[in-house]
Amino acid sequence: HEIRTDLDRAIASRPEGLRDLCVRLHGSTMAEIAREMGIPRTTLYDRLNKLRDAFSEAGLEDYL
């Protein structure tokens, strides 16, 4: 339960676009998400790196 709380906190502290990316990653590939959002995959990978950085800062790098 503690990890879920930490993950929720890390995700909630991100801007809306990054929170949306987290939700989309549960059921879609990066290519599908990029197509749905109308953005290049490179931009999407940049956003994913921001999420990874946020998780690392929160001490959650084991869950990346």
N, C-alpha and C. Protein backbone atom coordinates (compact mmCIF):
# COMPACT_ATOMS: atom_id res chain seq x y z
N HIS A 1 0.82 -1.19 0.00
CA HIS A 1 0.00 0.00 0.00
C HIS A 1 0.87 1.26 0.00
N GLU A 2 1.98 1.18 0.66
CA GLU A 2 2.85 2.34 0.76
C GLU A 2 3.40 2.76 -0.60
N ILE A 3 3.76 1.77 -1.42
CA ILE A 3 4.29 2.10 -2.75
C ILE A 3 3.22 2.77 -3.59
N ARG A 4 1.99 2.33 -3.47
CA ARG A 4 0.88 2.93 -4.23
C ARG A 4 0.71 4.39 -3.83
N THR A 5 0.79 4.67 -2.56
CA THR A 5 0.68 6.04 -2.07
C THR A 5 1.81 6.89 -2.62
N ASP A 6 3.03 6.35 -2.60
CA ASP A 6 4.18 7.09 -3.13
C ASP A 6 4.04 7.34 -4.63
N LEU A 7 3.59 6.32 -5.37
CA LEU A 7 3.38 6.49 -6.81
C LEU A 7 2.30 7.53 -7.09
N ASP A 8 1.20 7.43 -6.38
CA ASP A 8 0.10 8.39 -6.56
C ASP A 8 0.58 9.81 -6.29
N ARG A 9 1.39 9.98 -5.25
CA ARG A 9 1.89 11.30 -4.90
C ARG A 9 2.83 11.83 -6.00
N ALA A 10 3.70 10.97 -6.50
CA ALA A 10 4.64 11.38 -7.56
C ALA A 10 3.89 11.75 -8.83
N ILE A 11 2.88 10.99 -9.17
CA ILE A 11 2.10 11.28 -10.38
C ILE A 11 1.27 12.55 -10.19
N ALA A 12 0.65 12.69 -9.04
CA ALA A 12 -0.21 13.86 -8.79
C ALA A 12 0.56 15.17 -8.82
N SER A 13 1.84 15.10 -8.52
CA SER A 13 2.64 16.33 -8.49
C SER A 13 3.10 16.77 -9.88
N ARG A 14 2.83 15.98 -10.89
CA ARG A 14 3.22 16.31 -12.26
C ARG A 14 2.13 17.14 -12.93
N PRO A 15 2.50 17.89 -13.97
CA PRO A 15 1.49 18.64 -14.74
C PRO A 15 0.48 17.68 -15.38
N GLU A 16 -0.65 18.21 -15.76
CA GLU A 16 -1.75 17.40 -16.29
C GLU A 16 -1.32 16.52 -17.47
N GLY A 17 -0.52 17.05 -18.38
CA GLY A 17 -0.09 16.27 -19.54
C GLY A 17 0.69 15.03 -19.16
N LEU A 18 1.51 15.13 -18.14
CA LEU A 18 2.28 13.97 -17.69
C LEU A 18 1.41 12.98 -16.93
N ARG A 19 0.45 13.50 -16.19
CA ARG A 19 -0.50 12.60 -15.51
C ARG A 19 -1.30 11.82 -16.55
N ASP A 20 -1.72 12.50 -17.60
CA ASP A 20 -2.46 11.86 -18.68
C ASP A 20 -1.62 10.77 -19.33
N LEU A 21 -0.34 11.04 -19.53
CA LEU A 21 0.55 10.05 -20.12
C LEU A 21 0.61 8.79 -19.25
N CYS A 22 0.67 8.96 -17.95
CA CYS A 22 0.68 7.81 -17.03
C CYS A 22 -0.55 6.93 -17.24
N VAL A 23 -1.70 7.56 -17.35
CA VAL A 23 -2.94 6.81 -17.54
C VAL A 23 -2.91 6.07 -18.88
N ARG A 24 -2.48 6.77 -19.91
CA ARG A 24 -2.45 6.16 -21.25
C ARG A 24 -1.46 5.01 -21.35
N LEU A 25 -0.38 5.07 -20.60
CA LEU A 25 0.64 4.02 -20.66
C LEU A 25 0.12 2.67 -20.15
N HIS A 26 -0.96 2.69 -19.39
CA HIS A 26 -1.51 1.44 -18.87
C HIS A 26 -2.12 0.58 -19.96
N GLY A 27 -2.55 1.18 -21.06
CA GLY A 27 -3.23 0.37 -22.06
C GLY A 27 -2.81 0.59 -23.49
N SER A 28 -1.80 1.42 -23.72
CA SER A 28 -1.42 1.72 -25.10
C SER A 28 0.10 1.74 -25.24
N THR A 29 0.54 1.55 -26.48
CA THR A 29 1.96 1.66 -26.77
C THR A 29 2.33 3.12 -26.97
N MET A 30 3.62 3.40 -26.96
CA MET A 30 4.07 4.77 -27.18
C MET A 30 3.63 5.26 -28.56
N ALA A 31 3.70 4.40 -29.57
CA ALA A 31 3.28 4.79 -30.91
C ALA A 31 1.79 5.14 -30.95
N GLU A 32 0.98 4.34 -30.28
CA GLU A 32 -0.46 4.60 -30.24
C GLU A 32 -0.74 5.92 -29.52
N ILE A 33 -0.07 6.14 -28.41
CA ILE A 33 -0.28 7.36 -27.64
C ILE A 33 0.12 8.58 -28.46
N ALA A 34 1.27 8.52 -29.11
CA ALA A 34 1.73 9.64 -29.93
C ALA A 34 0.72 9.95 -31.03
N ARG A 35 0.21 8.91 -31.67
CA ARG A 35 -0.78 9.10 -32.74
C ARG A 35 -2.06 9.72 -32.18
N GLU A 36 -2.55 9.19 -31.04
CA GLU A 36 -3.77 9.71 -30.43
C GLU A 36 -3.62 11.17 -30.01
N MET A 37 -2.43 11.51 -29.49
CA MET A 37 -2.20 12.87 -29.00
C MET A 37 -1.77 13.82 -30.11
N GLY A 38 -1.42 13.26 -31.27
CA GLY A 38 -1.00 14.09 -32.40
C GLY A 38 0.36 14.74 -32.18
N ILE A 39 1.26 14.02 -31.49
CA ILE A 39 2.60 14.55 -31.25
C ILE A 39 3.64 13.52 -31.70
N PRO A 40 4.84 13.98 -32.03
CA PRO A 40 5.89 13.03 -32.43
C PRO A 40 6.28 12.12 -31.26
N ARG A 41 6.72 10.92 -31.60
CA ARG A 41 7.15 9.99 -30.55
C ARG A 41 8.34 10.55 -29.77
N THR A 42 9.19 11.32 -30.44
CA THR A 42 10.35 11.90 -29.73
C THR A 42 9.88 12.82 -28.61
N THR A 43 8.83 13.59 -28.86
CA THR A 43 8.26 14.46 -27.83
C THR A 43 7.69 13.62 -26.70
N LEU A 44 7.04 12.55 -27.06
CA LEU A 44 6.46 11.66 -26.05
C LEU A 44 7.55 11.03 -25.19
N TYR A 45 8.65 10.63 -25.82
CA TYR A 45 9.75 10.05 -25.04
C TYR A 45 10.39 11.09 -24.13
N ASP A 46 10.41 12.34 -24.56
CA ASP A 46 10.90 13.41 -23.67
C ASP A 46 10.02 13.50 -22.43
N ARG A 47 8.72 13.41 -22.63
CA ARG A 47 7.79 13.46 -21.50
C ARG A 47 7.96 12.24 -20.59
N LEU A 48 8.19 11.09 -21.20
CA LEU A 48 8.41 9.88 -20.42
C LEU A 48 9.67 10.04 -19.55
N ASN A 49 10.69 10.65 -20.10
CA ASN A 49 11.91 10.89 -19.32
C ASN A 49 11.64 11.81 -18.13
N LYS A 50 10.75 12.78 -18.31
CA LYS A 50 10.38 13.66 -17.21
C LYS A 50 9.68 12.87 -16.11
N LEU A 51 8.83 11.93 -16.51
CA LEU A 51 8.17 11.07 -15.53
C LEU A 51 9.19 10.22 -14.80
N ARG A 52 10.14 9.66 -15.52
CA ARG A 52 11.18 8.85 -14.89
C ARG A 52 11.98 9.68 -13.89
N ASP A 53 12.30 10.91 -14.27
CA ASP A 53 13.03 11.79 -13.36
C ASP A 53 12.22 12.05 -12.09
N ALA A 54 10.93 12.27 -12.25
CA ALA A 54 10.06 12.52 -11.10
C ALA A 54 10.02 11.30 -10.18
N PHE A 55 9.94 10.11 -10.76
CA PHE A 55 9.93 8.89 -9.96
C PHE A 55 11.27 8.70 -9.25
N SER A 56 12.35 9.00 -9.94
CA SER A 56 13.67 8.89 -9.31
C SER A 56 13.80 9.86 -8.14
N GLU A 57 13.35 11.09 -8.34
CA GLU A 57 13.39 12.09 -7.27
C GLU A 57 12.56 11.66 -6.06
N ALA A 58 11.50 10.90 -6.32
CA ALA A 58 10.62 10.44 -5.24
C ALA A 58 11.15 9.15 -4.60
N GLY A 59 12.33 8.68 -5.07
CA GLY A 59 12.91 7.46 -4.53
C GLY A 59 12.27 6.20 -5.05
N LEU A 60 11.66 6.28 -6.22
CA LEU A 60 10.92 5.15 -6.79
C LEU A 60 11.62 4.55 -8.00
N GLU A 61 12.93 4.75 -8.13
CA GLU A 61 13.63 4.27 -9.33
C GLU A 61 13.55 2.75 -9.50
N ASP A 62 13.32 2.01 -8.45
CA ASP A 62 13.18 0.55 -8.56
C ASP A 62 11.93 0.15 -9.32
N TYR A 63 10.99 1.07 -9.50
CA TYR A 63 9.72 0.76 -10.15
C TYR A 63 9.61 1.32 -11.55
N LEU A 64 10.72 1.79 -12.10
CA LEU A 64 10.68 2.36 -13.44
C LEU A 64 10.70 1.29 -14.50
